[in-house]
Protein backbone atom coordinates (compact mmCIF):
# COMPACT_ATOMS: atom_id res chain seq x y z
CA UNK A 1 71.99 107.74 -7.68
CA UNK A 2 71.88 109.89 -10.81
CA UNK A 3 75.29 110.54 -12.33
CA UNK A 4 76.72 113.87 -13.43
CA UNK A 5 79.40 112.34 -15.69
CA UNK A 6 79.34 109.67 -18.40
CA UNK A 7 82.85 108.27 -18.84
CA UNK A 8 83.72 106.29 -21.98
CA UNK A 9 86.85 104.27 -22.66
CA UNK A 10 90.30 103.69 -21.18
CA UNK A 11 89.92 99.95 -21.79
CA UNK A 12 87.98 98.78 -18.71
CA UNK A 13 87.01 99.94 -15.22
CA UNK A 14 89.51 97.53 -13.64
CA UNK A 15 92.33 98.52 -16.00
CA UNK A 16 93.40 101.98 -17.27
CA UNK A 17 90.00 103.48 -16.38
CA UNK A 18 90.87 102.86 -12.71
CA UNK A 19 92.79 106.14 -12.71
CA UNK A 20 90.08 108.62 -13.71
CA UNK A 21 87.40 106.55 -12.03
CA UNK A 22 89.45 106.59 -8.82
CA UNK A 23 89.87 110.36 -8.97
CA UNK A 24 86.15 110.93 -9.48
CA UNK A 25 85.31 108.58 -6.62
CA UNK A 26 87.85 110.34 -4.36
CA UNK A 27 86.16 113.69 -4.98
CA UNK A 28 82.59 112.29 -4.82
CA UNK A 29 81.88 112.97 -8.49
CA UNK A 30 79.15 110.56 -9.58
CA UNK A 31 79.64 108.82 -12.92
CA UNK A 32 78.48 106.02 -15.20
CA UNK A 33 81.00 104.07 -17.26
CA UNK A 34 81.18 102.38 -20.68
CA UNK A 35 84.27 100.30 -21.54
CA UNK A 36 86.26 100.68 -24.76
CA UNK A 37 84.91 97.46 -26.28
CA UNK A 38 81.27 98.29 -25.51
CA UNK A 39 79.01 100.00 -28.04
CA UNK A 40 77.59 103.34 -26.98
CA UNK A 41 74.02 103.47 -25.67
CA UNK A 42 71.98 106.67 -25.47
CA UNK A 43 70.24 105.18 -22.42
CA UNK A 44 73.44 105.92 -20.48
CA UNK A 45 73.19 109.60 -21.40
CA UNK A 46 70.67 110.72 -18.79
CA UNK A 47 68.95 114.05 -18.50
CA UNK A 48 71.14 114.78 -15.47
CA UNK A 49 74.41 114.10 -17.33
CA UNK A 50 76.43 117.32 -17.22
CA UNK A 51 79.61 116.02 -18.88
CA UNK A 52 80.62 113.28 -21.29
CA UNK A 53 84.27 112.16 -21.20
CA UNK A 54 85.70 110.29 -24.19
CA UNK A 55 89.12 108.73 -23.59
CA UNK A 56 90.60 105.97 -25.75
CA UNK A 57 87.10 105.10 -26.99
CA UNK A 58 86.90 104.43 -30.74
CA UNK A 59 84.45 106.47 -32.81
CA UNK A 60 83.27 103.21 -34.44
CA UNK A 61 81.39 102.50 -31.19
CA UNK A 62 78.95 105.31 -32.03
CA UNK A 63 76.28 105.46 -34.70
CA UNK A 64 75.88 108.72 -36.64
CA UNK A 65 72.54 109.37 -34.94
CA UNK A 66 74.09 108.90 -31.49
CA UNK A 67 76.77 111.45 -32.29
CA UNK A 68 74.07 113.83 -33.54
CA UNK A 69 72.33 113.44 -30.17
CA UNK A 70 75.56 114.19 -28.27
CA UNK A 71 76.17 117.28 -30.42
CA UNK A 72 72.67 118.56 -29.58
CA UNK A 73 73.19 117.92 -25.87
CA UNK A 74 76.46 119.88 -25.90
CA UNK A 75 74.79 122.68 -27.82
CA UNK A 76 72.16 122.73 -25.08
CA UNK A 77 74.69 123.00 -22.24
CA UNK A 78 76.29 119.62 -21.52
CA UNK A 79 80.11 119.64 -21.34
CA UNK A 80 82.40 117.41 -23.37
CA UNK A 81 86.00 116.36 -22.75
CA UNK A 82 88.21 114.29 -25.01
CA UNK A 83 91.37 112.86 -23.42
CA UNK A 84 94.23 111.65 -25.62
CA UNK A 85 95.15 108.12 -26.52
CA UNK A 86 95.51 105.67 -29.37
CA UNK A 87 91.74 105.64 -29.88
CA UNK A 88 91.16 109.35 -29.32
CA UNK A 89 91.24 112.21 -31.82
CA UNK A 90 92.77 110.44 -34.88
CA UNK A 91 95.19 108.09 -33.14
CA UNK A 92 95.41 104.52 -34.36
CA UNK A 93 91.66 103.92 -34.24
CA UNK A 94 90.00 107.11 -33.01
CA UNK A 95 89.07 108.65 -36.37
CA UNK A 96 87.02 111.42 -34.73
CA UNK A 97 87.96 113.86 -37.47
CA UNK A 98 85.47 112.00 -39.67
CA UNK A 99 82.59 112.58 -37.25
CA UNK A 100 80.49 115.59 -36.24
CA UNK A 101 82.22 115.61 -32.85
CA UNK A 102 85.13 117.27 -34.66
CA UNK A 103 82.89 120.34 -34.99
CA UNK A 104 82.23 120.39 -31.25
CA UNK A 105 85.75 119.95 -29.88
CA UNK A 106 87.97 123.06 -29.46
CA UNK A 107 90.79 121.56 -31.55
CA UNK A 108 91.34 120.66 -35.19
CA UNK A 109 91.96 116.96 -35.67
CA UNK A 110 94.48 115.70 -38.22
CA UNK A 111 93.53 113.48 -41.16
CA UNK A 112 96.37 111.05 -40.46
CA UNK A 113 97.97 109.40 -37.43
CA UNK A 114 98.50 112.12 -34.79
CA UNK A 115 100.26 110.07 -32.11
CA UNK A 116 103.47 111.51 -30.66
CA UNK A 117 105.33 108.85 -28.67
CA UNK A 118 107.94 110.96 -26.95
CA UNK A 119 111.26 109.66 -25.61
CA UNK A 120 112.84 113.12 -25.23
CA UNK A 121 111.84 115.26 -22.21
CA UNK A 122 108.35 116.73 -22.70
CA UNK A 123 107.32 119.31 -20.09
CA UNK A 124 103.94 120.81 -19.31
CA UNK A 125 103.96 124.56 -19.95
CA UNK A 126 101.35 126.94 -18.55
CA UNK A 127 100.19 129.43 -21.18
CA UNK A 128 97.63 131.40 -19.15
CA UNK A 129 96.13 131.52 -15.67
CA UNK A 130 92.77 129.75 -15.51
CA UNK A 131 90.44 128.51 -12.77
CA UNK A 132 91.15 124.92 -13.87
CA UNK A 133 94.71 125.50 -12.61
CA UNK A 134 93.64 126.83 -9.22
CA UNK A 135 95.79 125.35 -6.46
CA UNK A 136 98.36 123.94 -8.90
CA UNK A 137 102.02 125.01 -9.06
CA UNK A 138 103.25 124.99 -12.64
CA UNK A 139 106.14 127.34 -12.03
CA UNK A 140 108.11 125.53 -9.32
CA UNK A 141 106.94 121.95 -9.90
CA UNK A 142 106.73 121.45 -13.65
CA UNK A 143 105.43 117.96 -14.58
CA UNK A 144 106.48 115.75 -17.49
CA UNK A 145 104.34 113.73 -19.93
CA UNK A 146 105.30 110.80 -22.12
CA UNK A 147 103.24 111.41 -25.26
CA UNK A 148 100.18 113.05 -26.78
CA UNK A 149 97.94 113.46 -29.81
CA UNK A 150 99.15 116.26 -32.07
CA UNK A 151 96.14 118.57 -32.42
CA UNK A 152 95.76 122.28 -33.20
CA UNK A 153 93.69 124.81 -31.27
CA UNK A 154 90.78 126.26 -33.24
CA UNK A 155 90.35 129.99 -33.70
CA UNK A 156 88.54 131.36 -30.66
CA UNK A 157 89.57 128.46 -28.40
CA UNK A 158 91.85 128.97 -25.38
CA UNK A 159 95.09 127.06 -24.94
CA UNK A 160 95.71 126.75 -21.20
CA UNK A 161 98.59 124.26 -21.27
CA UNK A 162 101.11 123.28 -23.92
CA UNK A 163 103.60 120.44 -24.19
CA UNK A 164 107.17 121.70 -24.65
CA UNK A 165 109.51 119.14 -26.18
CA UNK A 166 113.26 119.22 -25.57
CA UNK A 167 116.28 117.52 -27.04
CA UNK A 168 118.65 116.46 -24.28
CA UNK A 169 122.44 116.29 -24.65
CA UNK A 170 125.11 114.92 -22.33
CA UNK A 171 128.05 117.32 -22.35
CA UNK A 172 131.00 116.64 -20.05
CA UNK A 173 129.67 116.24 -16.53
CA UNK A 174 126.32 117.89 -17.24
CA UNK A 175 123.27 117.93 -19.47
CA UNK A 176 121.98 120.49 -21.94
CA UNK A 177 118.35 120.86 -22.97
CA UNK A 178 117.24 122.47 -26.23
CA UNK A 179 113.51 123.25 -26.76
CA UNK A 180 112.38 122.40 -30.26
CA UNK A 181 108.60 122.08 -30.54
CA UNK A 182 105.46 123.14 -28.67
CA UNK A 183 101.99 121.64 -29.10
CA UNK A 184 98.61 122.28 -27.43
CA UNK A 185 98.01 120.11 -24.37
CA UNK A 186 94.86 121.52 -22.75
CA UNK A 187 92.49 123.54 -24.93
CA UNK A 188 89.04 124.73 -23.89
CA UNK A 189 86.19 126.38 -25.73
CA UNK A 190 82.42 126.55 -26.11
CA UNK A 191 79.88 124.98 -28.43
CA UNK A 192 76.46 126.49 -28.07
CA UNK A 193 75.83 126.59 -24.33
CA UNK A 194 78.24 123.75 -23.54
CA UNK A 195 81.84 123.93 -22.37
CA UNK A 196 84.33 121.88 -24.38
CA UNK A 197 87.86 120.67 -23.67
CA UNK A 198 90.62 118.59 -25.21
CA UNK A 199 93.48 117.19 -23.12
CA UNK A 200 95.91 115.81 -25.70
CA UNK A 201 97.86 113.47 -23.41
CA UNK A 202 96.48 110.51 -21.49
CA UNK A 203 95.08 110.20 -17.98
CA UNK A 204 96.64 106.73 -17.54
CA UNK A 205 99.90 105.00 -18.48
CA UNK A 206 101.78 105.10 -20.68
CA UNK A 207 101.43 108.58 -22.18
CA UNK A 208 100.61 110.20 -18.85
CA UNK A 209 104.23 109.44 -17.81
CA UNK A 210 105.49 111.14 -14.62
CA UNK A 211 102.45 113.47 -14.72
CA UNK A 212 100.60 110.76 -12.78
CA UNK A 213 102.95 111.39 -9.82
CA UNK A 214 102.79 115.20 -9.97
CA UNK A 215 102.42 116.72 -6.53
CA UNK A 216 103.99 116.94 -3.09
CA UNK A 217 101.86 114.22 -1.47
CA UNK A 218 100.04 111.04 -2.44
CA UNK A 219 96.37 110.32 -3.05
CA UNK A 220 95.04 106.78 -2.75
CA UNK A 221 91.62 105.95 -4.14
CA UNK A 222 89.52 103.16 -5.58
CA UNK A 223 86.29 103.24 -7.56
CA UNK A 224 83.77 100.42 -7.32
CA UNK A 225 84.96 97.53 -9.48
CA UNK A 226 88.28 99.24 -10.23
CA UNK A 227 91.88 98.72 -9.16
CA UNK A 228 93.22 100.86 -6.33
CA UNK A 229 95.39 103.78 -7.46
CA UNK A 230 98.12 105.82 -5.77
CA UNK A 231 98.85 109.11 -7.56
CA UNK A 232 100.21 112.60 -7.00
CA UNK A 233 97.85 115.08 -5.33
CA UNK A 234 98.36 117.72 -8.05
CA UNK A 235 97.53 115.19 -10.77
CA UNK A 236 94.31 114.31 -8.97
CA UNK A 237 93.41 117.95 -8.33
CA UNK A 238 94.02 118.87 -11.98
CA UNK A 239 91.51 116.36 -13.30
CA UNK A 240 89.02 117.18 -10.53
CA UNK A 241 89.22 120.88 -11.41
CA UNK A 242 88.87 120.15 -15.12
CA UNK A 243 85.82 117.93 -14.65
CA UNK A 244 84.07 120.32 -12.29
CA UNK A 245 84.72 123.30 -14.56
CA UNK A 246 83.22 121.46 -17.51
CA UNK A 247 80.23 120.49 -15.36
CA UNK A 248 79.75 124.16 -14.47
CA UNK A 249 80.59 123.51 -10.82
CA UNK A 250 83.82 125.50 -10.41
């Protein structure tokens, strides 16, 4: 079966990649997979590939010519999504700001370590209505994340979600929360004919935090060769909507 999505990273299919792989399997989204320690191969990028997902996959796994080929495919209409992590954006070993993919993504990537490991409350804030958020309640059921890559939306890009950080104080018998910094969380844009997106947090533990349990009911799923997952239904729907929008299927 020809695959619509090429998914790179998140360690291995039976480890962190079990989460996104499980979601795609649950919603019958066909995909091919390359693990984080495997070099990229253009043979995996078929003519039917509508979206490439890069998540915790180091840029050193690509050659310059392979990145040039991806850039041309996005320009011609293929979608691209980068999901946050220690080997995404700049991170600890991402270093994508030094590649041509930095021109394609809808965010500016920092020159130095951009990891925000957050112990204070960090809530997901909706900035605008968008079809990616269809069916999701971000007013009455606000989810929490545990960390993210600190990126900046480019001019002309659209910030759909932000991460709102709070300082928490224990006062008497109650708690006080003081907002102190906002950063882009989900940014979308276009490059040529292709749709582009950056989700600055992770899809899997640990940065995903309580976001993985967002929703009023549970979804259980398992991709071939992966671990079984049990997640919140809103978490699953969010990533399904995001993938299908980038594939041009929304």
